[in-house]
Amino acid sequence: MPTPDHPPHPDRLTPCMTEEPETWFADTPDGVEFAKALCGTCPLRQACLEGALARREPWGVWGGELFDNGRVVPRKRPRGRPRKHPVPA
């Protein structure tokens, strides 16, 4: 997302400027993957990620990565308890 240190280019809207704010703080794994995909074309992706790391953002999608407790995590776990036995594929 654009920040005071890294404002967007005046001629280009970034995905975080055109999507709803809730997009970047999705509750579901699919929602998180959607937000991460939107970041893929953003020209400010790297600056956004670096800023989020420096600020230790507590959660959300920043620069195409998911943050949880200030750290980048690979994916969002679904709600509820994990299964005792994996489901066969």
PDB file of N, CA and C in Angstrom:
ATOM      1  N   MET A   1       0.835  -1.169   0.000  1.00  0.00           N
ATOM      2  CA  MET A   1       0.000   0.000   0.000  1.00  0.00           C
ATOM      3  C   MET A   1       0.882   1.236   0.000  1.00  0.00           C
ATOM      4  N   PRO A   2       0.464   2.274  -0.693  1.00  0.00           N
ATOM      5  CA  PRO A   2       1.262   3.489  -0.659  1.00  0.00           C
ATOM      6  C   PRO A   2       1.354   4.041   0.758  1.00  0.00           C
ATOM      7  N   THR A   3       2.490   4.597   1.065  1.00  0.00           N
ATOM      8  CA  THR A   3       2.712   5.209   2.371  1.00  0.00           C
ATOM      9  C   THR A   3       3.273   6.599   2.151  1.00  0.00           C
ATOM     10  N   PRO A   4       3.354   7.430   3.197  1.00  0.00           N
ATOM     11  CA  PRO A   4       3.947   8.755   3.023  1.00  0.00           C
ATOM     12  C   PRO A   4       5.376   8.691   2.479  1.00  0.00           C
ATOM     13  N   ASP A   5       6.125   7.654   2.842  1.00  0.00           N
ATOM     14  CA  ASP A   5       7.494   7.515   2.344  1.00  0.00           C
ATOM     15  C   ASP A   5       7.548   7.027   0.899  1.00  0.00           C
ATOM     16  N   HIS A   6       6.509   6.324   0.471  1.00  0.00           N
ATOM     17  CA  HIS A   6       6.457   5.774  -0.884  1.00  0.00           C
ATOM     18  C   HIS A   6       5.086   6.061  -1.499  1.00  0.00           C
ATOM     19  N   PRO A   7       4.840   7.314  -1.885  1.00  0.00           N
ATOM     20  CA  PRO A   7       3.537   7.626  -2.481  1.00  0.00           C
ATOM     21  C   PRO A   7       3.405   6.988  -3.861  1.00  0.00           C
ATOM     22  N   PRO A   8       2.168   6.751  -4.315  1.00  0.00           N
ATOM     23  CA  PRO A   8       1.988   6.162  -5.639  1.00  0.00           C
ATOM     24  C   PRO A   8       2.358   7.166  -6.717  1.00  0.00           C
ATOM     25  N   HIS A   9       2.695   6.656  -7.881  1.00  0.00           N
ATOM     26  CA  HIS A   9       2.944   7.529  -9.021  1.00  0.00           C
ATOM     27  C   HIS A   9       1.625   8.212  -9.355  1.00  0.00           C
ATOM     28  N   PRO A  10       1.630   9.508  -9.631  1.00  0.00           N
ATOM     29  CA  PRO A  10       0.368  10.223  -9.842  1.00  0.00           C
ATOM     30  C   PRO A  10      -0.448   9.724 -11.023  1.00  0.00           C
ATOM     31  N   ASP A  11       0.190   9.078 -11.993  1.00  0.00           N
ATOM     32  CA  ASP A  11      -0.545   8.608 -13.165  1.00  0.00           C
ATOM     33  C   ASP A  11      -0.990   7.156 -13.062  1.00  0.00           C
ATOM     34  N   ARG A  12      -0.684   6.503 -11.964  1.00  0.00           N
ATOM     35  CA  ARG A  12      -0.999   5.080 -11.870  1.00  0.00           C
ATOM     36  C   ARG A  12      -1.678   4.768 -10.543  1.00  0.00           C
ATOM     37  N   LEU A  13      -2.806   4.107 -10.620  1.00  0.00           N
ATOM     38  CA  LEU A  13      -3.480   3.651  -9.409  1.00  0.00           C
ATOM     39  C   LEU A  13      -2.975   2.257  -9.076  1.00  0.00           C
ATOM     40  N   THR A  14      -2.664   2.036  -7.831  1.00  0.00           N
ATOM     41  CA  THR A  14      -2.207   0.725  -7.387  1.00  0.00           C
ATOM     42  C   THR A  14      -3.411  -0.096  -6.926  1.00  0.00           C
ATOM     43  N   PRO A  15      -3.285  -1.427  -6.894  1.00  0.00           N
ATOM     44  CA  PRO A  15      -4.420  -2.251  -6.474  1.00  0.00           C
ATOM     45  C   PRO A  15      -4.976  -1.858  -5.104  1.00  0.00           C
ATOM     46  N   CYS A  16      -4.110  -1.473  -4.178  1.00  0.00           N
ATOM     47  CA  CYS A  16      -4.609  -1.131  -2.844  1.00  0.00           C
ATOM     48  C   CYS A  16      -5.386   0.180  -2.841  1.00  0.00           C
ATOM     49  N   MET A  17      -5.258   0.958  -3.907  1.00  0.00           N
ATOM     50  CA  MET A  17      -6.029   2.194  -4.010  1.00  0.00           C
ATOM     51  C   MET A  17      -7.397   1.955  -4.637  1.00  0.00           C
ATOM     52  N   THR A  18      -7.547   0.859  -5.368  1.00  0.00           N
ATOM     53  CA  THR A  18      -8.799   0.610  -6.079  1.00  0.00           C
ATOM     54  C   THR A  18      -9.655  -0.476  -5.430  1.00  0.00           C
ATOM     55  N   GLU A  19      -9.066  -1.328  -4.624  1.00  0.00           N
ATOM     56  CA  GLU A  19      -9.813  -2.394  -3.938  1.00  0.00           C
ATOM     57  C   GLU A  19     -10.263  -1.915  -2.559  1.00  0.00           C
ATOM     58  N   GLU A  20     -11.231  -2.601  -2.004  1.00  0.00           N
ATOM     59  CA  GLU A  20     -11.702  -2.291  -0.653  1.00  0.00           C
ATOM     60  C   GLU A  20     -10.607  -2.598   0.367  1.00  0.00           C
ATOM     61  N   PRO A  21     -10.482  -1.810   1.422  1.00  0.00           N
ATOM     62  CA  PRO A  21      -9.448  -2.069   2.434  1.00  0.00           C
ATOM     63  C   PRO A  21      -9.518  -3.473   3.033  1.00  0.00           C
ATOM     64  N   GLU A  22     -10.726  -4.020   3.160  1.00  0.00           N
ATOM     65  CA  GLU A  22     -10.883  -5.346   3.754  1.00  0.00           C
ATOM     66  C   GLU A  22     -10.188  -6.429   2.931  1.00  0.00           C
ATOM     67  N   THR A  23      -9.963  -6.151   1.647  1.00  0.00           N
ATOM     68  CA  THR A  23      -9.299  -7.122   0.771  1.00  0.00           C
ATOM     69  C   THR A  23      -7.953  -7.538   1.338  1.00  0.00           C
ATOM     70  N   TRP A  24      -7.233  -6.602   1.925  1.00  0.00           N
ATOM     71  CA  TRP A  24      -5.859  -6.830   2.389  1.00  0.00           C
ATOM     72  C   TRP A  24      -5.804  -7.458   3.776  1.00  0.00           C
ATOM     73  N   PHE A  25      -6.977  -7.641   4.392  1.00  0.00           N
ATOM     74  CA  PHE A  25      -7.057  -8.218   5.736  1.00  0.00           C
ATOM     75  C   PHE A  25      -8.107  -9.329   5.744  1.00  0.00           C
ATOM     76  N   ALA A  26      -8.058 -10.182   4.734  1.00  0.00           N
ATOM     77  CA  ALA A  26      -9.063 -11.227   4.531  1.00  0.00           C
ATOM     78  C   ALA A  26      -9.047 -12.256   5.654  1.00  0.00           C
ATOM     79  N   ASP A  27     -10.225 -12.823   5.906  1.00  0.00           N
ATOM     80  CA  ASP A  27     -10.376 -13.855   6.936  1.00  0.00           C
ATOM     81  C   ASP A  27     -10.155 -15.265   6.400  1.00  0.00           C
ATOM     82  N   THR A  28     -10.233 -15.425   5.093  1.00  0.00           N
ATOM     83  CA  THR A  28     -10.144 -16.768   4.520  1.00  0.00           C
ATOM     84  C   THR A  28      -8.845 -16.949   3.735  1.00  0.00           C
ATOM     85  N   PRO A  29      -8.369 -18.181   3.635  1.00  0.00           N
ATOM     86  CA  PRO A  29      -7.173 -18.426   2.816  1.00  0.00           C
ATOM     87  C   PRO A  29      -7.356 -17.988   1.360  1.00  0.00           C
ATOM     88  N   ASP A  30      -8.544 -18.223   0.788  1.00  0.00           N
ATOM     89  CA  ASP A  30      -8.789 -17.800  -0.595  1.00  0.00           C
ATOM     90  C   ASP A  30      -8.726 -16.282  -0.727  1.00  0.00           C
ATOM     91  N   GLY A  31      -9.254 -15.579   0.257  1.00  0.00           N
ATOM     92  CA  GLY A  31      -9.206 -14.120   0.243  1.00  0.00           C
ATOM     93  C   GLY A  31      -7.785 -13.593   0.311  1.00  0.00           C
ATOM     94  N   VAL A  32      -6.962 -14.238   1.114  1.00  0.00           N
ATOM     95  CA  VAL A  32      -5.553 -13.845   1.224  1.00  0.00           C
ATOM     96  C   VAL A  32      -4.840 -14.082  -0.101  1.00  0.00           C
ATOM     97  N   GLU A  33      -5.076 -15.229  -0.726  1.00  0.00           N
ATOM     98  CA  GLU A  33      -4.430 -15.527  -2.009  1.00  0.00           C
ATOM     99  C   GLU A  33      -4.868 -14.537  -3.083  1.00  0.00           C
ATOM    100  N   PHE A  34      -6.126 -14.117  -3.044  1.00  0.00           N
ATOM    101  CA  PHE A  34      -6.619 -13.112  -3.987  1.00  0.00           C
ATOM    102  C   PHE A  34      -5.858 -11.800  -3.795  1.00  0.00           C
ATOM    103  N   ALA A  35      -5.710 -11.362  -2.559  1.00  0.00           N
ATOM    104  CA  ALA A  35      -4.986 -10.117  -2.271  1.00  0.00           C
ATOM    105  C   ALA A  35      -3.531 -10.220  -2.721  1.00  0.00           C
ATOM    106  N   LYS A  36      -2.897 -11.345  -2.443  1.00  0.00           N
ATOM    107  CA  LYS A  36      -1.504 -11.535  -2.855  1.00  0.00           C
ATOM    108  C   LYS A  36      -1.375 -11.475  -4.378  1.00  0.00           C
ATOM    109  N   ALA A  37      -2.344 -12.043  -5.082  1.00  0.00           N
ATOM    110  CA  ALA A  37      -2.314 -12.014  -6.546  1.00  0.00           C
ATOM    111  C   ALA A  37      -2.449 -10.584  -7.070  1.00  0.00           C
ATOM    112  N   LEU A  38      -3.278  -9.783  -6.434  1.00  0.00           N
ATOM    113  CA  LEU A  38      -3.422  -8.390  -6.851  1.00  0.00           C
ATOM    114  C   LEU A  38      -2.104  -7.636  -6.733  1.00  0.00           C
ATOM    115  N   CYS A  39      -1.318  -7.958  -5.737  1.00  0.00           N
ATOM    116  CA  CYS A  39      -0.023  -7.291  -5.544  1.00  0.00           C
ATOM    117  C   CYS A  39       0.970  -7.644  -6.646  1.00  0.00           C
ATOM    118  N   GLY A  40       0.748  -8.738  -7.332  1.00  0.00           N
ATOM    119  CA  GLY A  40       1.702  -9.219  -8.321  1.00  0.00           C
ATOM    120  C   GLY A  40       2.015  -8.241  -9.435  1.00  0.00           C
ATOM    121  N   THR A  41       1.078  -7.375  -9.779  1.00  0.00           N
ATOM    122  CA  THR A  41       1.298  -6.421 -10.868  1.00  0.00           C
ATOM    123  C   THR A  41       1.621  -5.021 -10.369  1.00  0.00           C
ATOM    124  N   CYS A  42       1.706  -4.844  -9.079  1.00  0.00           N
ATOM    125  CA  CYS A  42       1.881  -3.504  -8.513  1.00  0.00           C
ATOM    126  C   CYS A  42       3.336  -3.031  -8.645  1.00  0.00           C
ATOM    127  N   PRO A  43       3.546  -1.823  -9.161  1.00  0.00           N
ATOM    128  CA  PRO A  43       4.909  -1.311  -9.291  1.00  0.00           C
ATOM    129  C   PRO A  43       5.545  -0.952  -7.948  1.00  0.00           C
ATOM    130  N   LEU A  44       4.741  -0.841  -6.909  1.00  0.00           N
ATOM    131  CA  LEU A  44       5.259  -0.494  -5.583  1.00  0.00           C
ATOM    132  C   LEU A  44       5.396  -1.705  -4.672  1.00  0.00           C
ATOM    133  N   ARG A  45       5.274  -2.889  -5.243  1.00  0.00           N
ATOM    134  CA  ARG A  45       5.279  -4.107  -4.428  1.00  0.00           C
ATOM    135  C   ARG A  45       6.498  -4.196  -3.511  1.00  0.00           C
ATOM    136  N   GLN A  46       7.687  -4.030  -4.049  1.00  0.00           N
ATOM    137  CA  GLN A  46       8.904  -4.176  -3.250  1.00  0.00           C
ATOM    138  C   GLN A  46       8.985  -3.106  -2.162  1.00  0.00           C
ATOM    139  N   ALA A  47       8.673  -1.864  -2.500  1.00  0.00           N
ATOM    140  CA  ALA A  47       8.713  -0.785  -1.509  1.00  0.00           C
ATOM    141  C   ALA A  47       7.676  -1.018  -0.412  1.00  0.00           C
ATOM    142  N   CYS A  48       6.515  -1.523  -0.798  1.00  0.00           N
ATOM    143  CA  CYS A  48       5.460  -1.825   0.168  1.00  0.00           C
ATOM    144  C   CYS A  48       5.923  -2.915   1.132  1.00  0.00           C
ATOM    145  N   LEU A  49       6.514  -3.969   0.589  1.00  0.00           N
ATOM    146  CA  LEU A  49       6.999  -5.073   1.416  1.00  0.00           C
ATOM    147  C   LEU A  49       8.098  -4.598   2.362  1.00  0.00           C
ATOM    148  N   GLU A  50       9.047  -3.835   1.849  1.00  0.00           N
ATOM    149  CA  GLU A  50      10.136  -3.331   2.691  1.00  0.00           C
ATOM    150  C   GLU A  50       9.607  -2.446   3.815  1.00  0.00           C
ATOM    151  N   GLY A  51       8.633  -1.598   3.501  1.00  0.00           N
ATOM    152  CA  GLY A  51       8.045  -0.744   4.526  1.00  0.00           C
ATOM    153  C   GLY A  51       7.316  -1.545   5.590  1.00  0.00           C
ATOM    154  N   ALA A  52       6.572  -2.562   5.162  1.00  0.00           N
ATOM    155  CA  ALA A  52       5.841  -3.405   6.113  1.00  0.00           C
ATOM    156  C   ALA A  52       6.795  -4.160   7.023  1.00  0.00           C
ATOM    157  N   LEU A  53       7.901  -4.643   6.460  1.00  0.00           N
ATOM    158  CA  LEU A  53       8.901  -5.334   7.279  1.00  0.00           C
ATOM    159  C   LEU A  53       9.523  -4.377   8.289  1.00  0.00           C
ATOM    160  N   ALA A  54       9.839  -3.170   7.851  1.00  0.00           N
ATOM    161  CA  ALA A  54      10.454  -2.184   8.744  1.00  0.00           C
ATOM    162  C   ALA A  54       9.506  -1.789   9.873  1.00  0.00           C
ATOM    163  N   ARG A  55       8.207  -1.702   9.556  1.00  0.00           N
ATOM    164  CA  ARG A  55       7.205  -1.312  10.563  1.00  0.00           C
ATOM    165  C   ARG A  55       6.726  -2.497  11.390  1.00  0.00           C
ATOM    166  N   ARG A  56       7.132  -3.714  10.989  1.00  0.00           N
ATOM    167  CA  ARG A  56       6.646  -4.941  11.628  1.00  0.00           C
ATOM    168  C   ARG A  56       5.115  -4.947  11.675  1.00  0.00           C
ATOM    169  N   GLU A  57       4.516  -4.789  10.489  1.00  0.00           N
ATOM    170  CA  GLU A  57       3.056  -4.782  10.389  1.00  0.00           C
ATOM    171  C   GLU A  57       2.500  -6.011  11.096  1.00  0.00           C
ATOM    172  N   PRO A  58       1.490  -5.833  11.935  1.00  0.00           N
ATOM    173  CA  PRO A  58       0.988  -6.969  12.707  1.00  0.00           C
ATOM    174  C   PRO A  58       0.264  -8.021  11.868  1.00  0.00           C
ATOM    175  N   TRP A  59      -0.446  -7.597  10.820  1.00  0.00           N
ATOM    176  CA  TRP A  59      -1.133  -8.584  10.001  1.00  0.00           C
ATOM    177  C   TRP A  59      -1.618  -7.955   8.719  1.00  0.00           C
ATOM    178  N   GLY A  60      -2.034  -8.805   7.783  1.00  0.00           N
ATOM    179  CA  GLY A  60      -2.535  -8.342   6.496  1.00  0.00           C
ATOM    180  C   GLY A  60      -1.578  -8.687   5.373  1.00  0.00           C
ATOM    181  N   VAL A  61      -2.008  -8.375   4.152  1.00  0.00           N
ATOM    182  CA  VAL A  61      -1.181  -8.594   2.971  1.00  0.00           C
ATOM    183  C   VAL A  61      -0.504  -7.279   2.614  1.00  0.00           C
ATOM    184  N   TRP A  62       0.815  -7.322   2.550  1.00  0.00           N
ATOM    185  CA  TRP A  62       1.640  -6.149   2.237  1.00  0.00           C
ATOM    186  C   TRP A  62       2.696  -6.574   1.236  1.00  0.00           C
ATOM    187  N   GLY A  63       2.772  -5.901   0.106  1.00  0.00           N
ATOM    188  CA  GLY A  63       3.798  -6.230  -0.880  1.00  0.00           C
ATOM    189  C   GLY A  63       3.712  -7.653  -1.389  1.00  0.00           C
ATOM    190  N   GLY A  64       2.516  -8.208  -1.418  1.00  0.00           N
ATOM    191  CA  GLY A  64       2.329  -9.563  -1.924  1.00  0.00           C
ATOM    192  C   GLY A  64       2.641 -10.664  -0.935  1.00  0.00           C
ATOM    193  N   GLU A  65       2.888 -10.299   0.308  1.00  0.00           N
ATOM    194  CA  GLU A  65       3.189 -11.296   1.346  1.00  0.00           C
ATOM    195  C   GLU A  65       2.188 -11.170   2.489  1.00  0.00           C
ATOM    196  N   LEU A  66       1.929 -12.277   3.158  1.00  0.00           N
ATOM    197  CA  LEU A  66       1.020 -12.298   4.297  1.00  0.00           C
ATOM    198  C   LEU A  66       1.808 -12.101   5.584  1.00  0.00           C
ATOM    199  N   PHE A  67       1.366 -11.154   6.389  1.00  0.00           N
ATOM    200  CA  PHE A  67       1.996 -10.887   7.678  1.00  0.00           C
ATOM    201  C   PHE A  67       1.100 -11.385   8.802  1.00  0.00           C
ATOM    202  N   ASP A  68       1.731 -11.977   9.802  1.00  0.00           N
ATOM    203  CA  ASP A  68       1.050 -12.408  11.023  1.00  0.00           C
ATOM    204  C   ASP A  68       2.006 -12.130  12.173  1.00  0.00           C
ATOM    205  N   ASN A  69       1.583 -11.298  13.091  1.00  0.00           N
ATOM    206  CA  ASN A  69       2.419 -10.902  14.231  1.00  0.00           C
ATOM    207  C   ASN A  69       3.765 -10.328  13.792  1.00  0.00           C
ATOM    208  N   GLY A  70       3.736  -9.516  12.737  1.00  0.00           N
ATOM    209  CA  GLY A  70       4.945  -8.830  12.299  1.00  0.00           C
ATOM    210  C   GLY A  70       5.915  -9.652  11.481  1.00  0.00           C
ATOM    211  N   ARG A  71       5.538 -10.894  11.140  1.00  0.00           N
ATOM    212  CA  ARG A  71       6.418 -11.772  10.357  1.00  0.00           C
ATOM    213  C   ARG A  71       5.700 -12.230   9.094  1.00  0.00           C
ATOM    214  N   VAL A  72       6.464 -12.490   8.065  1.00  0.00           N
ATOM    215  CA  VAL A  72       5.897 -13.043   6.834  1.00  0.00           C
ATOM    216  C   VAL A  72       5.637 -14.528   7.057  1.00  0.00           C
ATOM    217  N   VAL A  73       4.432 -14.963   6.705  1.00  0.00           N
ATOM    218  CA  VAL A  73       4.062 -16.376   6.805  1.00  0.00           C
ATOM    219  C   VAL A  73       3.619 -16.856   5.419  1.00  0.00           C
ATOM    220  N   PRO A  74       3.794 -18.142   5.105  1.00  0.00           N
ATOM    221  CA  PRO A  74       3.500 -18.614   3.747  1.00  0.00           C
ATOM    222  C   PRO A  74       2.015 -18.612   3.386  1.00  0.00           C
ATOM    223  N   ARG A  75       1.154 -18.890   4.342  1.00  0.00           N
ATOM    224  CA  ARG A  75      -0.283 -18.943   4.028  1.00  0.00           C
ATOM    225  C   ARG A  75      -1.095 -18.804   5.309  1.00  0.00           C
ATOM    226  N   LYS A  76      -2.353 -18.483   5.103  1.00  0.00           N
ATOM    227  CA  LYS A  76      -3.271 -18.337   6.233  1.00  0.00           C
ATOM    228  C   LYS A  76      -3.876 -19.698   6.543  1.00  0.00           C
ATOM    229  N   ARG A  77      -3.828 -20.036   7.805  1.00  0.00           N
ATOM    230  CA  ARG A  77      -4.467 -21.289   8.223  1.00  0.00           C
ATOM    231  C   ARG A  77      -5.966 -21.078   8.303  1.00  0.00           C
ATOM    232  N   PRO A  78      -6.743 -22.092   7.893  1.00  0.00           N
ATOM    233  CA  PRO A  78      -8.193 -21.975   8.036  1.00  0.00           C
ATOM    234  C   PRO A  78      -8.578 -21.942   9.518  1.00  0.00           C
ATOM    235  N   ARG A  79      -9.741 -21.414   9.773  1.00  0.00           N
ATOM    236  CA  ARG A  79     -10.229 -21.371  11.154  1.00  0.00           C
ATOM    237  C   ARG A  79     -10.522 -22.771  11.659  1.00  0.00           C
ATOM    238  N   GLY A  80     -10.522 -22.908  12.968  1.00  0.00           N
ATOM    239  CA  GLY A  80     -10.851 -24.189  13.581  1.00  0.00           C
ATOM    240  C   GLY A  80      -9.619 -25.005  13.901  1.00  0.00           C
ATOM    241  N   ARG A  81      -9.868 -26.137  14.493  1.00  0.00           N
ATOM    242  CA  ARG A  81      -8.776 -27.035  14.878  1.00  0.00           C
ATOM    243  C   ARG A  81      -8.297 -27.815  13.672  1.00  0.00           C
ATOM    244  N   PRO A  82      -7.013 -28.129  13.623  1.00  0.00           N
ATOM    245  CA  PRO A  82      -6.522 -28.974  12.525  1.00  0.00           C
ATOM    246  C   PRO A  82      -7.095 -30.383  12.640  1.00  0.00           C
ATOM    247  N   ARG A  83      -7.195 -31.057  11.524  1.00  0.00           N
ATOM    248  CA  ARG A  83      -7.693 -32.434  11.524  1.00  0.00           C
ATOM    249  C   ARG A  83      -6.685 -33.348  12.205  1.00  0.00           C
ATOM    250  N   LYS A  84      -7.202 -34.372  12.883  1.00  0.00           N
ATOM    251  CA  LYS A  84      -6.320 -35.369  13.492  1.00  0.00           C
ATOM    252  C   LYS A  84      -5.700 -36.245  12.423  1.00  0.00           C
ATOM    253  N   HIS A  85      -6.477 -36.529  11.391  1.00  0.00           N
ATOM    254  CA  HIS A  85      -6.019 -37.394  10.304  1.00  0.00           C
ATOM    255  C   HIS A  85      -6.202 -36.639   8.993  1.00  0.00           C
ATOM    256  N   PRO A  86      -5.170 -36.568   8.177  1.00  0.00           N
ATOM    257  CA  PRO A  86      -5.300 -35.857   6.898  1.00  0.00           C
ATOM    258  C   PRO A  86      -6.351 -36.495   6.004  1.00  0.00           C
ATOM    259  N   VAL A  87      -6.996 -35.663   5.218  1.00  0.00           N
ATOM    260  CA  VAL A  87      -7.983 -36.149   4.264  1.00  0.00           C
ATOM    261  C   VAL A  87      -7.237 -36.652   3.034  1.00  0.00           C
ATOM    262  N   PRO A  88      -7.563 -37.876   2.554  1.00  0.00           N
ATOM    263  CA  PRO A  88      -6.881 -38.385   1.356  1.00  0.00           C
ATOM    264  C   PRO A  88      -7.158 -37.480   0.163  1.00  0.00           C
ATOM    265  N   ALA A  89      -6.147 -37.310  -0.682  1.00  0.00           N
ATOM    266  CA  ALA A  89      -6.295 -36.427  -1.856  1.00  0.00           C
ATOM    267  C   ALA A  89      -6.918 -37.128  -3.019  1.00  0.00           C
TER     268      ALA A  89
END
